[in-house]
Amino acid sequence: TALQHHAGPDPAWPAHGVDRMRRFC
């Protein structure tokens, strides 16, 4: 999930839990 979050949100490839990950990144 952090890999997806760090790369920038891609609406075509949202990772599970990306919304809850923001505070840890």
mmCIF file of all heavy atoms, coordinates in Angstrom:
data_MODEL
# 
_entry.id   MODEL 
# 
loop_
_atom_site.group_PDB 
_atom_site.id 
_atom_site.type_symbol 
_atom_site.label_atom_id 
_atom_site.label_alt_id 
_atom_site.label_comp_id 
_atom_site.label_asym_id 
_atom_site.label_entity_id 
_atom_site.label_seq_id 
_atom_site.pdbx_PDB_ins_code 
_atom_site.Cartn_x 
_atom_site.Cartn_y 
_atom_site.Cartn_z 
_atom_site.occupancy 
_atom_site.B_iso_or_equiv 
_atom_site.pdbx_formal_charge 
_atom_site.auth_seq_id 
_atom_site.auth_comp_id 
_atom_site.auth_asym_id 
_atom_site.auth_atom_id 
_atom_site.pdbx_PDB_model_num 
ATOM 1   N N   . THR A 1 1  ? 0.829   -1.206 0.000   1.00 0.00 ? 1  THR A N   1 
ATOM 2   C CA  . THR A 1 1  ? 0.000   0.000  0.000   1.00 0.00 ? 1  THR A CA  1 
ATOM 3   C C   . THR A 1 1  ? 0.866   1.259  0.000   1.00 0.00 ? 1  THR A C   1 
ATOM 4   O O   . THR A 1 1  ? 0.579   2.220  -0.714  1.00 0.00 ? 1  THR A O   1 
ATOM 5   C CB  . THR A 1 1  ? -0.960  -0.008 1.205   1.00 0.00 ? 1  THR A CB  1 
ATOM 6   O OG1 . THR A 1 1  ? -1.752  -1.190 1.149   1.00 0.00 ? 1  THR A OG1 1 
ATOM 7   C CG2 . THR A 1 1  ? -1.860  1.207  1.215   1.00 0.00 ? 1  THR A CG2 1 
ATOM 8   N N   . ALA A 1 2  ? 1.928   1.245  0.784   1.00 0.00 ? 2  ALA A N   1 
ATOM 9   C CA  . ALA A 1 2  ? 2.822   2.414  0.848   1.00 0.00 ? 2  ALA A CA  1 
ATOM 10  C C   . ALA A 1 2  ? 3.478   2.666  -0.506  1.00 0.00 ? 2  ALA A C   1 
ATOM 11  O O   . ALA A 1 2  ? 3.687   3.823  -0.879  1.00 0.00 ? 2  ALA A O   1 
ATOM 12  C CB  . ALA A 1 2  ? 3.881   2.207  1.925   1.00 0.00 ? 2  ALA A CB  1 
ATOM 13  N N   . LEU A 1 3  ? 3.795   1.618  -1.235  1.00 0.00 ? 3  LEU A N   1 
ATOM 14  C CA  . LEU A 1 3  ? 4.359   1.792  -2.581  1.00 0.00 ? 3  LEU A CA  1 
ATOM 15  C C   . LEU A 1 3  ? 3.393   2.569  -3.461  1.00 0.00 ? 3  LEU A C   1 
ATOM 16  O O   . LEU A 1 3  ? 3.794   3.478  -4.189  1.00 0.00 ? 3  LEU A O   1 
ATOM 17  C CB  . LEU A 1 3  ? 4.654   0.434  -3.222  1.00 0.00 ? 3  LEU A CB  1 
ATOM 18  C CG  . LEU A 1 3  ? 5.926   -0.257 -2.785  1.00 0.00 ? 3  LEU A CG  1 
ATOM 19  C CD1 . LEU A 1 3  ? 5.935   -1.702 -3.283  1.00 0.00 ? 3  LEU A CD1 1 
ATOM 20  C CD2 . LEU A 1 3  ? 7.146   0.498  -3.295  1.00 0.00 ? 3  LEU A CD2 1 
ATOM 21  N N   . GLN A 1 4  ? 2.115   2.226  -3.397  1.00 0.00 ? 4  GLN A N   1 
ATOM 22  C CA  . GLN A 1 4  ? 1.114   2.930  -4.196  1.00 0.00 ? 4  GLN A CA  1 
ATOM 23  C C   . GLN A 1 4  ? 0.939   4.370  -3.719  1.00 0.00 ? 4  GLN A C   1 
ATOM 24  O O   . GLN A 1 4  ? 0.853   5.285  -4.522  1.00 0.00 ? 4  GLN A O   1 
ATOM 25  C CB  . GLN A 1 4  ? -0.232  2.211  -4.134  1.00 0.00 ? 4  GLN A CB  1 
ATOM 26  C CG  . GLN A 1 4  ? -0.224  0.815  -4.674  1.00 0.00 ? 4  GLN A CG  1 
ATOM 27  C CD  . GLN A 1 4  ? 0.356   0.716  -6.063  1.00 0.00 ? 4  GLN A CD  1 
ATOM 28  O OE1 . GLN A 1 4  ? 1.338   0.019  -6.267  1.00 0.00 ? 4  GLN A OE1 1 
ATOM 29  N NE2 . GLN A 1 4  ? -0.203  1.389  -7.022  1.00 0.00 ? 4  GLN A NE2 1 
ATOM 30  N N   . HIS A 1 5  ? 0.900   4.540  -2.415  1.00 0.00 ? 5  HIS A N   1 
ATOM 31  C CA  . HIS A 1 5  ? 0.718   5.881  -1.852  1.00 0.00 ? 5  HIS A CA  1 
ATOM 32  C C   . HIS A 1 5  ? 1.894   6.783  -2.219  1.00 0.00 ? 5  HIS A C   1 
ATOM 33  O O   . HIS A 1 5  ? 1.705   7.926  -2.633  1.00 0.00 ? 5  HIS A O   1 
ATOM 34  C CB  . HIS A 1 5  ? 0.567   5.799  -0.335  1.00 0.00 ? 5  HIS A CB  1 
ATOM 35  C CG  . HIS A 1 5  ? 0.477   7.132  0.325   1.00 0.00 ? 5  HIS A CG  1 
ATOM 36  N ND1 . HIS A 1 5  ? -0.655  7.898  0.275   1.00 0.00 ? 5  HIS A ND1 1 
ATOM 37  C CD2 . HIS A 1 5  ? 1.395   7.855  1.012   1.00 0.00 ? 5  HIS A CD2 1 
ATOM 38  C CE1 . HIS A 1 5  ? -0.445  9.038  0.924   1.00 0.00 ? 5  HIS A CE1 1 
ATOM 39  N NE2 . HIS A 1 5  ? 0.789   9.027  1.373   1.00 0.00 ? 5  HIS A NE2 1 
ATOM 40  N N   . HIS A 1 6  ? 3.099   6.261  -2.089  1.00 0.00 ? 6  HIS A N   1 
ATOM 41  C CA  . HIS A 1 6  ? 4.301   7.053  -2.357  1.00 0.00 ? 6  HIS A CA  1 
ATOM 42  C C   . HIS A 1 6  ? 4.416   7.424  -3.837  1.00 0.00 ? 6  HIS A C   1 
ATOM 43  O O   . HIS A 1 6  ? 4.867   8.517  -4.173  1.00 0.00 ? 6  HIS A O   1 
ATOM 44  C CB  . HIS A 1 6  ? 5.547   6.304  -1.897  1.00 0.00 ? 6  HIS A CB  1 
ATOM 45  C CG  . HIS A 1 6  ? 6.811   7.056  -2.142  1.00 0.00 ? 6  HIS A CG  1 
ATOM 46  N ND1 . HIS A 1 6  ? 7.094   8.266  -1.540  1.00 0.00 ? 6  HIS A ND1 1 
ATOM 47  C CD2 . HIS A 1 6  ? 7.868   6.789  -2.948  1.00 0.00 ? 6  HIS A CD2 1 
ATOM 48  C CE1 . HIS A 1 6  ? 8.260   8.703  -1.964  1.00 0.00 ? 6  HIS A CE1 1 
ATOM 49  N NE2 . HIS A 1 6  ? 8.753   7.826  -2.813  1.00 0.00 ? 6  HIS A NE2 1 
ATOM 50  N N   . ALA A 1 7  ? 4.010   6.516  -4.698  1.00 0.00 ? 7  ALA A N   1 
ATOM 51  C CA  . ALA A 1 7  ? 4.101   6.784  -6.137  1.00 0.00 ? 7  ALA A CA  1 
ATOM 52  C C   . ALA A 1 7  ? 3.069   7.806  -6.587  1.00 0.00 ? 7  ALA A C   1 
ATOM 53  O O   . ALA A 1 7  ? 3.130   8.306  -7.702  1.00 0.00 ? 7  ALA A O   1 
ATOM 54  C CB  . ALA A 1 7  ? 3.915   5.476  -6.913  1.00 0.00 ? 7  ALA A CB  1 
ATOM 55  N N   . GLY A 1 8  ? 2.140   8.110  -5.712  1.00 0.00 ? 8  GLY A N   1 
ATOM 56  C CA  . GLY A 1 8  ? 1.066   9.039  -6.069  1.00 0.00 ? 8  GLY A CA  1 
ATOM 57  C C   . GLY A 1 8  ? -0.174  8.233  -6.386  1.00 0.00 ? 8  GLY A C   1 
ATOM 58  O O   . GLY A 1 8  ? -0.098  7.207  -7.043  1.00 0.00 ? 8  GLY A O   1 
ATOM 59  N N   . PRO A 1 9  ? -1.307  8.646  -5.878  1.00 0.00 ? 9  PRO A N   1 
ATOM 60  C CA  . PRO A 1 9  ? -2.524  7.880  -6.094  1.00 0.00 ? 9  PRO A CA  1 
ATOM 61  C C   . PRO A 1 9  ? -2.849  7.746  -7.578  1.00 0.00 ? 9  PRO A C   1 
ATOM 62  O O   . PRO A 1 9  ? -2.864  8.723  -8.303  1.00 0.00 ? 9  PRO A O   1 
ATOM 63  C CB  . PRO A 1 9  ? -3.601  8.658  -5.345  1.00 0.00 ? 9  PRO A CB  1 
ATOM 64  C CG  . PRO A 1 9  ? -2.992  9.946  -4.931  1.00 0.00 ? 9  PRO A CG  1 
ATOM 65  C CD  . PRO A 1 9  ? -1.516  9.877  -5.145  1.00 0.00 ? 9  PRO A CD  1 
ATOM 66  N N   . ASP A 1 10 ? -3.036  6.540  -7.995  1.00 0.00 ? 10 ASP A N   1 
ATOM 67  C CA  . ASP A 1 10 ? -3.423  6.241  -9.374  1.00 0.00 ? 10 ASP A CA  1 
ATOM 68  C C   . ASP A 1 10 ? -4.820  5.648  -9.309  1.00 0.00 ? 10 ASP A C   1 
ATOM 69  O O   . ASP A 1 10 ? -4.994  4.543  -8.802  1.00 0.00 ? 10 ASP A O   1 
ATOM 70  C CB  . ASP A 1 10 ? -2.439  5.247  -9.995  1.00 0.00 ? 10 ASP A CB  1 
ATOM 71  C CG  . ASP A 1 10 ? -2.786  4.906  -11.434 1.00 0.00 ? 10 ASP A CG  1 
ATOM 72  O OD1 . ASP A 1 10 ? -3.883  5.281  -11.899 1.00 0.00 ? 10 ASP A OD1 1 
ATOM 73  O OD2 . ASP A 1 10 ? -1.961  4.250  -12.083 1.00 0.00 ? 10 ASP A OD2 1 
ATOM 74  N N   . PRO A 1 11 ? -5.825  6.354  -9.801  1.00 0.00 ? 11 PRO A N   1 
ATOM 75  C CA  . PRO A 1 11 ? -7.194  5.862  -9.687  1.00 0.00 ? 11 PRO A CA  1 
ATOM 76  C C   . PRO A 1 11 ? -7.395  4.500  -10.348 1.00 0.00 ? 11 PRO A C   1 
ATOM 77  O O   . PRO A 1 11 ? -8.292  3.760  -9.989  1.00 0.00 ? 11 PRO A O   1 
ATOM 78  C CB  . PRO A 1 11 ? -8.033  6.927  -10.371 1.00 0.00 ? 11 PRO A CB  1 
ATOM 79  C CG  . PRO A 1 11 ? -7.123  7.999  -10.824 1.00 0.00 ? 11 PRO A CG  1 
ATOM 80  C CD  . PRO A 1 11 ? -5.726  7.630  -10.460 1.00 0.00 ? 11 PRO A CD  1 
ATOM 81  N N   . ALA A 1 12 ? -6.537  4.148  -11.296 1.00 0.00 ? 12 ALA A N   1 
ATOM 82  C CA  . ALA A 1 12 ? -6.671  2.839  -11.945 1.00 0.00 ? 12 ALA A CA  1 
ATOM 83  C C   . ALA A 1 12 ? -6.107  1.720  -11.081 1.00 0.00 ? 12 ALA A C   1 
ATOM 84  O O   . ALA A 1 12 ? -6.437  0.554  -11.281 1.00 0.00 ? 12 ALA A O   1 
ATOM 85  C CB  . ALA A 1 12 ? -5.953  2.851  -13.299 1.00 0.00 ? 12 ALA A CB  1 
ATOM 86  N N   . TRP A 1 13 ? -5.243  2.040  -10.121 1.00 0.00 ? 13 TRP A N   1 
ATOM 87  C CA  . TRP A 1 13 ? -4.595  1.017  -9.289  1.00 0.00 ? 13 TRP A CA  1 
ATOM 88  C C   . TRP A 1 13 ? -4.641  1.366  -7.814  1.00 0.00 ? 13 TRP A C   1 
ATOM 89  O O   . TRP A 1 13 ? -3.605  1.413  -7.157  1.00 0.00 ? 13 TRP A O   1 
ATOM 90  C CB  . TRP A 1 13 ? -3.139  0.830  -9.715  1.00 0.00 ? 13 TRP A CB  1 
ATOM 91  C CG  . TRP A 1 13 ? -2.991  0.310  -11.090 1.00 0.00 ? 13 TRP A CG  1 
ATOM 92  C CD1 . TRP A 1 13 ? -2.705  1.024  -12.214 1.00 0.00 ? 13 TRP A CD1 1 
ATOM 93  C CD2 . TRP A 1 13 ? -3.177  -1.040 -11.519 1.00 0.00 ? 13 TRP A CD2 1 
ATOM 94  N NE1 . TRP A 1 13 ? -2.682  0.203  -13.305 1.00 0.00 ? 13 TRP A NE1 1 
ATOM 95  C CE2 . TRP A 1 13 ? -2.966  -1.074 -12.910 1.00 0.00 ? 13 TRP A CE2 1 
ATOM 96  C CE3 . TRP A 1 13 ? -3.496  -2.226 -10.861 1.00 0.00 ? 13 TRP A CE3 1 
ATOM 97  C CZ2 . TRP A 1 13 ? -3.063  -2.239 -13.653 1.00 0.00 ? 13 TRP A CZ2 1 
ATOM 98  C CZ3 . TRP A 1 13 ? -3.592  -3.383 -11.598 1.00 0.00 ? 13 TRP A CZ3 1 
ATOM 99  C CH2 . TRP A 1 13 ? -3.379  -3.389 -12.975 1.00 0.00 ? 13 TRP A CH2 1 
ATOM 100 N N   . PRO A 1 14 ? -5.815  1.617  -7.229  1.00 0.00 ? 14 PRO A N   1 
ATOM 101 C CA  . PRO A 1 14 ? -5.840  1.939  -5.802  1.00 0.00 ? 14 PRO A CA  1 
ATOM 102 C C   . PRO A 1 14 ? -5.539  0.691  -4.961  1.00 0.00 ? 14 PRO A C   1 
ATOM 103 O O   . PRO A 1 14 ? -6.095  -0.381 -5.189  1.00 0.00 ? 14 PRO A O   1 
ATOM 104 C CB  . PRO A 1 14 ? -7.278  2.415  -5.579  1.00 0.00 ? 14 PRO A CB  1 
ATOM 105 C CG  . PRO A 1 14 ? -8.072  1.712  -6.632  1.00 0.00 ? 14 PRO A CG  1 
ATOM 106 C CD  . PRO A 1 14 ? -7.156  1.572  -7.817  1.00 0.00 ? 14 PRO A CD  1 
ATOM 107 N N   . ALA A 1 15 ? -4.628  0.826  -4.044  1.00 0.00 ? 15 ALA A N   1 
ATOM 108 C CA  . ALA A 1 15 ? -4.280  -0.284 -3.162  1.00 0.00 ? 15 ALA A CA  1 
ATOM 109 C C   . ALA A 1 15 ? -5.262  -0.332 -1.996  1.00 0.00 ? 15 ALA A C   1 
ATOM 110 O O   . ALA A 1 15 ? -5.790  0.699  -1.576  1.00 0.00 ? 15 ALA A O   1 
ATOM 111 C CB  . ALA A 1 15 ? -2.858  -0.117 -2.645  1.00 0.00 ? 15 ALA A CB  1 
ATOM 112 N N   . HIS A 1 16 ? -5.481  -1.528 -1.470  1.00 0.00 ? 16 HIS A N   1 
ATOM 113 C CA  . HIS A 1 16 ? -6.316  -1.668 -0.274  1.00 0.00 ? 16 HIS A CA  1 
ATOM 114 C C   . HIS A 1 16 ? -5.701  -0.849 0.858   1.00 0.00 ? 16 HIS A C   1 
ATOM 115 O O   . HIS A 1 16 ? -4.506  -0.902 1.087   1.00 0.00 ? 16 HIS A O   1 
ATOM 116 C CB  . HIS A 1 16 ? -6.377  -3.129 0.182   1.00 0.00 ? 16 HIS A CB  1 
ATOM 117 C CG  . HIS A 1 16 ? -7.024  -4.068 -0.773  1.00 0.00 ? 16 HIS A CG  1 
ATOM 118 N ND1 . HIS A 1 16 ? -8.149  -3.763 -1.491  1.00 0.00 ? 16 HIS A ND1 1 
ATOM 119 C CD2 . HIS A 1 16 ? -6.702  -5.336 -1.120  1.00 0.00 ? 16 HIS A CD2 1 
ATOM 120 C CE1 . HIS A 1 16 ? -8.500  -4.801 -2.232  1.00 0.00 ? 16 HIS A CE1 1 
ATOM 121 N NE2 . HIS A 1 16 ? -7.627  -5.768 -2.034  1.00 0.00 ? 16 HIS A NE2 1 
ATOM 122 N N   . GLY A 1 17 ? -6.518  -0.105 1.555   1.00 0.00 ? 17 GLY A N   1 
ATOM 123 C CA  . GLY A 1 17 ? -6.080  0.604  2.749   1.00 0.00 ? 17 GLY A CA  1 
ATOM 124 C C   . GLY A 1 17 ? -5.318  1.884  2.527   1.00 0.00 ? 17 GLY A C   1 
ATOM 125 O O   . GLY A 1 17 ? -4.798  2.460  3.476   1.00 0.00 ? 17 GLY A O   1 
ATOM 126 N N   . VAL A 1 18 ? -5.238  2.366  1.298   1.00 0.00 ? 18 VAL A N   1 
ATOM 127 C CA  . VAL A 1 18 ? -4.448  3.570  1.043   1.00 0.00 ? 18 VAL A CA  1 
ATOM 128 C C   . VAL A 1 18 ? -4.985  4.761  1.834   1.00 0.00 ? 18 VAL A C   1 
ATOM 129 O O   . VAL A 1 18 ? -4.213  5.604  2.299   1.00 0.00 ? 18 VAL A O   1 
ATOM 130 C CB  . VAL A 1 18 ? -4.335  3.871  -0.472  1.00 0.00 ? 18 VAL A CB  1 
ATOM 131 C CG1 . VAL A 1 18 ? -5.619  4.433  -1.033  1.00 0.00 ? 18 VAL A CG1 1 
ATOM 132 C CG2 . VAL A 1 18 ? -3.172  4.779  -0.753  1.00 0.00 ? 18 VAL A CG2 1 
ATOM 133 N N   . ASP A 1 19 ? -6.277  4.805  2.073   1.00 0.00 ? 19 ASP A N   1 
ATOM 134 C CA  . ASP A 1 19 ? -6.862  5.907  2.838   1.00 0.00 ? 19 ASP A CA  1 
ATOM 135 C C   . ASP A 1 19 ? -6.399  5.896  4.299   1.00 0.00 ? 19 ASP A C   1 
ATOM 136 O O   . ASP A 1 19 ? -6.216  6.944  4.901   1.00 0.00 ? 19 ASP A O   1 
ATOM 137 C CB  . ASP A 1 19 ? -8.388  5.870  2.759   1.00 0.00 ? 19 ASP A CB  1 
ATOM 138 C CG  . ASP A 1 19 ? -8.984  4.544  3.174   1.00 0.00 ? 19 ASP A CG  1 
ATOM 139 O OD1 . ASP A 1 19 ? -8.342  3.497  2.934   1.00 0.00 ? 19 ASP A OD1 1 
ATOM 140 O OD2 . ASP A 1 19 ? -10.094 4.529  3.733   1.00 0.00 ? 19 ASP A OD2 1 
ATOM 141 N N   . ARG A 1 20 ? -6.174  4.710  4.859   1.00 0.00 ? 20 ARG A N   1 
ATOM 142 C CA  . ARG A 1 20 ? -5.723  4.609  6.250   1.00 0.00 ? 20 ARG A CA  1 
ATOM 143 C C   . ARG A 1 20 ? -4.205  4.740  6.379   1.00 0.00 ? 20 ARG A C   1 
ATOM 144 O O   . ARG A 1 20 ? -3.687  4.868  7.488   1.00 0.00 ? 20 ARG A O   1 
ATOM 145 C CB  . ARG A 1 20 ? -6.184  3.282  6.852   1.00 0.00 ? 20 ARG A CB  1 
ATOM 146 C CG  . ARG A 1 20 ? -7.704  3.215  7.009   1.00 0.00 ? 20 ARG A CG  1 
ATOM 147 C CD  . ARG A 1 20 ? -8.124  1.904  7.589   1.00 0.00 ? 20 ARG A CD  1 
ATOM 148 N NE  . ARG A 1 20 ? -7.617  1.718  8.930   1.00 0.00 ? 20 ARG A NE  1 
ATOM 149 C CZ  . ARG A 1 20 ? -8.366  1.570  10.010  1.00 0.00 ? 20 ARG A CZ  1 
ATOM 150 N NH1 . ARG A 1 20 ? -9.672  1.597  9.897   1.00 0.00 ? 20 ARG A NH1 1 
ATOM 151 N NH2 . ARG A 1 20 ? -7.824  1.378  11.185  1.00 0.00 ? 20 ARG A NH2 1 
ATOM 152 N N   . MET A 1 21 ? -3.486  4.694  5.255   1.00 0.00 ? 21 MET A N   1 
ATOM 153 C CA  . MET A 1 21 ? -2.021  4.720  5.281   1.00 0.00 ? 21 MET A CA  1 
ATOM 154 C C   . MET A 1 21 ? -1.441  6.121  5.345   1.00 0.00 ? 21 MET A C   1 
ATOM 155 O O   . MET A 1 21 ? -0.304  6.291  5.763   1.00 0.00 ? 21 MET A O   1 
ATOM 156 C CB  . MET A 1 21 ? -1.465  4.035  4.023   1.00 0.00 ? 21 MET A CB  1 
ATOM 157 C CG  . MET A 1 21 ? -1.454  2.545  4.097   1.00 0.00 ? 21 MET A CG  1 
ATOM 158 S SD  . MET A 1 21 ? -0.328  1.939  5.368   1.00 0.00 ? 21 MET A SD  1 
ATOM 159 C CE  . MET A 1 21 ? 1.220   2.566  4.746   1.00 0.00 ? 21 MET A CE  1 
ATOM 160 N N   . ARG A 1 22 ? -2.175  7.101  4.937   1.00 0.00 ? 22 ARG A N   1 
ATOM 161 C CA  . ARG A 1 22 ? -1.626  8.454  4.816   1.00 0.00 ? 22 ARG A CA  1 
ATOM 162 C C   . ARG A 1 22 ? -0.892  8.917  6.069   1.00 0.00 ? 22 ARG A C   1 
ATOM 163 O O   . ARG A 1 22 ? 0.182   9.499  5.994   1.00 0.00 ? 22 ARG A O   1 
ATOM 164 C CB  . ARG A 1 22 ? -2.731  9.437  4.455   1.00 0.00 ? 22 ARG A CB  1 
ATOM 165 C CG  . ARG A 1 22 ? -3.213  9.267  3.040   1.00 0.00 ? 22 ARG A CG  1 
ATOM 166 C CD  . ARG A 1 22 ? -4.254  10.327 2.644   1.00 0.00 ? 22 ARG A CD  1 
ATOM 167 N NE  . ARG A 1 22 ? -4.733  10.031 1.318   1.00 0.00 ? 22 ARG A NE  1 
ATOM 168 C CZ  . ARG A 1 22 ? -5.855  9.352  1.074   1.00 0.00 ? 22 ARG A CZ  1 
ATOM 169 N NH1 . ARG A 1 22 ? -6.614  8.929  2.059   1.00 0.00 ? 22 ARG A NH1 1 
ATOM 170 N NH2 . ARG A 1 22 ? -6.226  9.115  -0.167  1.00 0.00 ? 22 ARG A NH2 1 
ATOM 171 N N   . ARG A 1 23 ? -1.457  8.648  7.215   1.00 0.00 ? 23 ARG A N   1 
ATOM 172 C CA  . ARG A 1 23 ? -0.856  9.147  8.462   1.00 0.00 ? 23 ARG A CA  1 
ATOM 173 C C   . ARG A 1 23 ? 0.465   8.464  8.814   1.00 0.00 ? 23 ARG A C   1 
ATOM 174 O O   . ARG A 1 23 ? 1.225   8.949  9.646   1.00 0.00 ? 23 ARG A O   1 
ATOM 175 C CB  . ARG A 1 23 ? -1.844  9.017  9.615   1.00 0.00 ? 23 ARG A CB  1 
ATOM 176 C CG  . ARG A 1 23 ? -2.183  7.594  9.954   1.00 0.00 ? 23 ARG A CG  1 
ATOM 177 C CD  . ARG A 1 23 ? -3.147  7.539  11.142  1.00 0.00 ? 23 ARG A CD  1 
ATOM 178 N NE  . ARG A 1 23 ? -3.544  6.174  11.363  1.00 0.00 ? 23 ARG A NE  1 
ATOM 179 C CZ  . ARG A 1 23 ? -4.774  5.743  11.297  1.00 0.00 ? 23 ARG A CZ  1 
ATOM 180 N NH1 . ARG A 1 23 ? -5.756  6.577  11.039  1.00 0.00 ? 23 ARG A NH1 1 
ATOM 181 N NH2 . ARG A 1 23 ? -5.049  4.479  11.513  1.00 0.00 ? 23 ARG A NH2 1 
ATOM 182 N N   . PHE A 1 24 ? 0.762   7.319  8.179   1.00 0.00 ? 24 PHE A N   1 
ATOM 183 C CA  . PHE A 1 24 ? 2.013   6.606  8.454   1.00 0.00 ? 24 PHE A CA  1 
ATOM 184 C C   . PHE A 1 24 ? 3.095   6.936  7.425   1.00 0.00 ? 24 PHE A C   1 
ATOM 185 O O   . PHE A 1 24 ? 4.205   6.423  7.510   1.00 0.00 ? 24 PHE A O   1 
ATOM 186 C CB  . PHE A 1 24 ? 1.763   5.092  8.463   1.00 0.00 ? 24 PHE A CB  1 
ATOM 187 C CG  . PHE A 1 24 ? 0.693   4.669  9.420   1.00 0.00 ? 24 PHE A CG  1 
ATOM 188 C CD1 . PHE A 1 24 ? -0.504  4.148  8.957   1.00 0.00 ? 24 PHE A CD1 1 
ATOM 189 C CD2 . PHE A 1 24 ? 0.866   4.805  10.789  1.00 0.00 ? 24 PHE A CD2 1 
ATOM 190 C CE1 . PHE A 1 24 ? -1.504  3.759  9.834   1.00 0.00 ? 24 PHE A CE1 1 
ATOM 191 C CE2 . PHE A 1 24 ? -0.128  4.427  11.683  1.00 0.00 ? 24 PHE A CE2 1 
ATOM 192 C CZ  . PHE A 1 24 ? -1.318  3.901  11.200  1.00 0.00 ? 24 PHE A CZ  1 
ATOM 193 N N   . CYS A 1 25 ? 2.744   7.745  6.436   1.00 0.00 ? 25 CYS A N   1 
ATOM 194 C CA  . CYS A 1 25 ? 3.663   8.084  5.338   1.00 0.00 ? 25 CYS A CA  1 
ATOM 195 C C   . CYS A 1 25 ? 3.891   9.591  5.290   1.00 0.00 ? 25 CYS A C   1 
ATOM 196 O O   . CYS A 1 25 ? 3.477   10.266 4.364   1.00 0.00 ? 25 CYS A O   1 
ATOM 197 C CB  . CYS A 1 25 ? 3.085   7.623  3.999   1.00 0.00 ? 25 CYS A CB  1 
ATOM 198 S SG  . CYS A 1 25 ? 2.868   5.865  3.824   1.00 0.00 ? 25 CYS A SG  1 
# 
